[in-house]
Amino acid sequence: MPQTFDYELIRQLANILDETNLTEIEVEQEKLKIRVARTAAPVTITQGGGGWAAPSAMPAMAAPAPVAAPAAEAPKAADPAANPGAVPSPMVGTAYVAPEPGARSFVEVGDMVKEGQTVMIIEAMKHLNHIPAPRAGRVTAVLVENGQPVEFGEPLLIIE
């Protein structure tokens, strides 16, 4: 007898991606494993023990959920990445707002920065990368917390 799977669960997982700004989420219950990702990777469902794979139409059915939700949220809050003063992360890694634990942050909201001034550090593969201000201006928002994982292109802060 063919196994059935819960499309509503997939929609809920896609909504969790949108709410938390994660790029993927994977859930495993008993012999059922569901992975939902925002990247080009499709949604996959597998079952252990001689198992089965979801039909190829499955990713097309689940993909619209993550795409439709951001459009509905757009009017509520402006997308920081769309701000012309946003400073995007140049890499995937862990963001640090201070040079060491307990130290003062490189920059805080309201600070004036000079072009080239270090505004943050991103640790990637055990290497500390200093992130310079791409332009001079006033910091109007710091969008990440100390120790927060960041994705390539994710806005770190806004300089106006």
Protein backbone atom coordinates (compact mmCIF):
# COMPACT_ATOMS: atom_id res chain seq x y z
CA MET A 1 0.00 0.00 0.00
CA PRO A 2 1.52 3.39 -0.97
CA GLN A 3 2.49 5.76 1.82
CA THR A 4 0.85 9.17 2.09
CA PHE A 5 2.43 12.33 3.39
CA ASP A 6 1.08 15.48 4.93
CA TYR A 7 1.20 18.49 2.58
CA GLU A 8 0.08 20.71 5.47
CA LEU A 9 3.21 19.72 7.43
CA ILE A 10 5.34 20.76 4.45
CA ARG A 11 3.53 24.11 4.28
CA GLN A 12 4.09 24.62 8.03
CA LEU A 13 7.80 23.88 7.62
CA ALA A 14 7.99 26.36 4.73
CA ASN A 15 6.33 28.99 6.95
CA ILE A 16 8.91 28.30 9.67
CA LEU A 17 11.64 29.01 7.09
CA ASP A 18 10.05 32.38 6.34
CA GLU A 19 9.47 33.31 9.98
CA THR A 20 13.01 32.45 11.08
CA ASN A 21 14.94 33.42 7.92
CA LEU A 22 16.47 29.95 7.76
CA THR A 23 17.50 28.56 4.38
CA GLU A 24 16.49 24.98 5.11
CA ILE A 25 14.84 22.79 7.71
CA GLU A 26 14.77 19.02 8.08
CA VAL A 27 12.43 16.97 10.26
CA GLU A 28 12.62 13.24 10.91
CA GLN A 29 9.85 11.27 12.61
CA GLU A 30 10.07 7.50 12.84
CA LYS A 31 10.80 6.40 9.25
CA LEU A 32 9.67 9.66 7.62
CA LYS A 33 12.18 12.37 6.79
CA ILE A 34 11.17 15.77 5.31
CA ARG A 35 13.61 18.47 4.15
CA VAL A 36 12.45 21.89 2.93
CA ALA A 37 14.97 24.38 1.53
CA ARG A 38 14.82 27.85 -0.03
CA THR A 39 17.75 27.12 -2.30
CA ALA A 40 17.50 25.40 -5.65
CA ALA A 41 17.40 22.04 -3.83
CA PRO A 42 13.93 20.46 -4.06
CA VAL A 43 11.83 19.27 -1.16
CA THR A 44 12.61 15.62 -0.55
CA ILE A 45 10.73 13.01 1.42
CA THR A 46 12.15 9.56 2.05
CA GLN A 47 11.14 6.60 4.13
CA GLY A 48 13.61 4.09 5.51
CA GLY A 49 13.46 0.33 5.11
CA GLY A 50 13.26 -0.38 1.37
CA GLY A 51 11.54 2.96 1.17
CA TRP A 52 10.12 5.18 -1.41
CA ALA A 53 10.83 8.66 -2.68
CA ALA A 54 8.33 11.38 -3.31
CA PRO A 55 7.20 11.73 -6.92
CA SER A 56 8.94 14.40 -8.97
CA ALA A 57 5.78 16.54 -8.89
CA MET A 58 6.15 16.89 -5.12
CA PRO A 59 8.75 19.73 -5.16
CA ALA A 60 6.60 21.80 -7.51
CA MET A 61 3.64 21.49 -5.15
CA ALA A 62 5.59 22.48 -2.04
CA ALA A 63 7.77 25.19 -3.59
CA PRO A 64 5.10 27.93 -3.81
CA ALA A 65 4.65 28.11 -0.04
CA PRO A 66 8.03 29.73 0.70
CA VAL A 67 7.73 32.02 -2.31
CA ALA A 68 4.22 33.28 -1.55
CA ALA A 69 4.74 34.10 2.12
CA PRO A 70 7.40 36.86 1.74
CA ALA A 71 5.17 38.75 -0.70
CA ALA A 72 2.39 38.77 1.89
CA GLU A 73 4.78 40.02 4.59
CA ALA A 74 6.36 42.77 2.48
CA PRO A 75 3.83 45.49 3.35
CA LYS A 76 4.26 44.90 7.11
CA ALA A 77 8.00 45.50 7.30
CA ALA A 78 10.50 46.90 4.83
CA ASP A 79 13.07 44.41 3.64
CA PRO A 80 16.47 45.52 5.05
CA ALA A 81 18.23 43.95 2.04
CA ALA A 82 16.37 46.38 -0.24
CA ASN A 83 17.72 49.39 1.66
CA PRO A 84 20.42 51.12 -0.42
CA GLY A 85 22.54 51.55 2.72
CA ALA A 86 22.50 47.84 3.62
CA VAL A 87 25.89 46.21 4.06
CA PRO A 88 25.56 42.58 2.90
CA SER A 89 27.56 39.69 4.27
CA PRO A 90 30.29 38.76 1.79
CA MET A 91 30.28 35.14 3.00
CA VAL A 92 28.59 32.47 5.07
CA GLY A 93 29.86 32.36 8.63
CA THR A 94 29.38 33.58 12.19
CA ALA A 95 29.08 37.34 12.74
CA TYR A 96 30.81 39.04 15.65
CA VAL A 97 30.00 42.65 16.47
CA ALA A 98 32.98 43.10 18.81
CA PRO A 99 36.68 42.22 18.52
CA GLU A 100 36.49 39.88 21.53
CA PRO A 101 33.97 38.74 24.15
CA GLY A 102 33.08 41.55 26.55
CA ALA A 103 34.63 44.26 24.37
CA ARG A 104 32.74 47.28 23.03
CA SER A 105 31.03 46.70 19.67
CA PHE A 106 32.82 47.88 16.54
CA VAL A 107 29.81 50.08 15.76
CA GLU A 108 26.47 50.90 17.35
CA VAL A 109 23.35 52.59 16.03
CA GLY A 110 24.05 56.31 15.69
CA ASP A 111 27.84 55.94 15.21
CA MET A 112 29.51 57.70 12.30
CA VAL A 113 31.81 55.40 10.31
CA LYS A 114 34.50 56.03 7.74
CA GLU A 115 34.88 54.07 4.54
CA GLY A 116 37.11 51.06 5.23
CA GLN A 117 36.52 51.09 9.01
CA THR A 118 35.93 47.61 10.45
CA VAL A 119 32.25 47.30 11.34
CA MET A 120 32.09 43.57 12.07
CA ILE A 121 34.00 40.28 11.91
CA ILE A 122 32.74 37.15 10.21
CA GLU A 123 34.35 33.87 11.15
CA ALA A 124 34.39 31.38 8.32
CA MET A 125 36.31 28.10 8.46
CA LYS A 126 38.22 29.25 11.57
CA HIS A 127 39.38 32.42 9.79
CA LEU A 128 38.38 35.86 11.12
CA ASN A 129 37.41 38.20 8.28
CA HIS A 130 37.18 41.91 9.08
CA ILE A 131 34.20 43.48 7.32
CA PRO A 132 34.93 47.08 6.29
CA ALA A 133 32.36 49.84 5.87
CA PRO A 134 31.82 50.21 2.11
CA ARG A 135 31.11 53.94 2.54
CA ALA A 136 31.16 56.69 5.15
CA GLY A 137 27.96 57.54 6.98
CA ARG A 138 25.84 56.99 10.08
CA VAL A 139 24.90 53.49 11.28
CA THR A 140 21.09 53.45 11.43
CA ALA A 141 20.62 49.74 12.20
CA VAL A 142 22.65 46.71 13.26
CA LEU A 143 20.72 43.73 11.93
CA VAL A 144 22.65 40.83 13.48
CA GLU A 145 23.53 39.82 17.00
CA ASN A 146 26.92 38.76 18.29
CA GLY A 147 27.61 35.12 17.42
CA GLN A 148 24.72 34.89 14.95
CA PRO A 149 25.16 32.68 11.87
CA VAL A 150 24.85 34.68 8.63
CA GLU A 151 24.31 33.75 5.00
CA PHE A 152 26.00 35.20 1.92
CA GLY A 153 24.22 38.43 0.96
CA GLU A 154 22.32 38.72 4.26
CA PRO A 155 22.21 42.37 5.41
CA LEU A 156 24.46 42.94 8.43
CA LEU A 157 23.84 46.61 9.12
CA ILE A 158 22.63 49.79 7.44
CA ILE A 159 24.81 52.84 6.85
CA GLU A 160 23.00 55.97 5.65
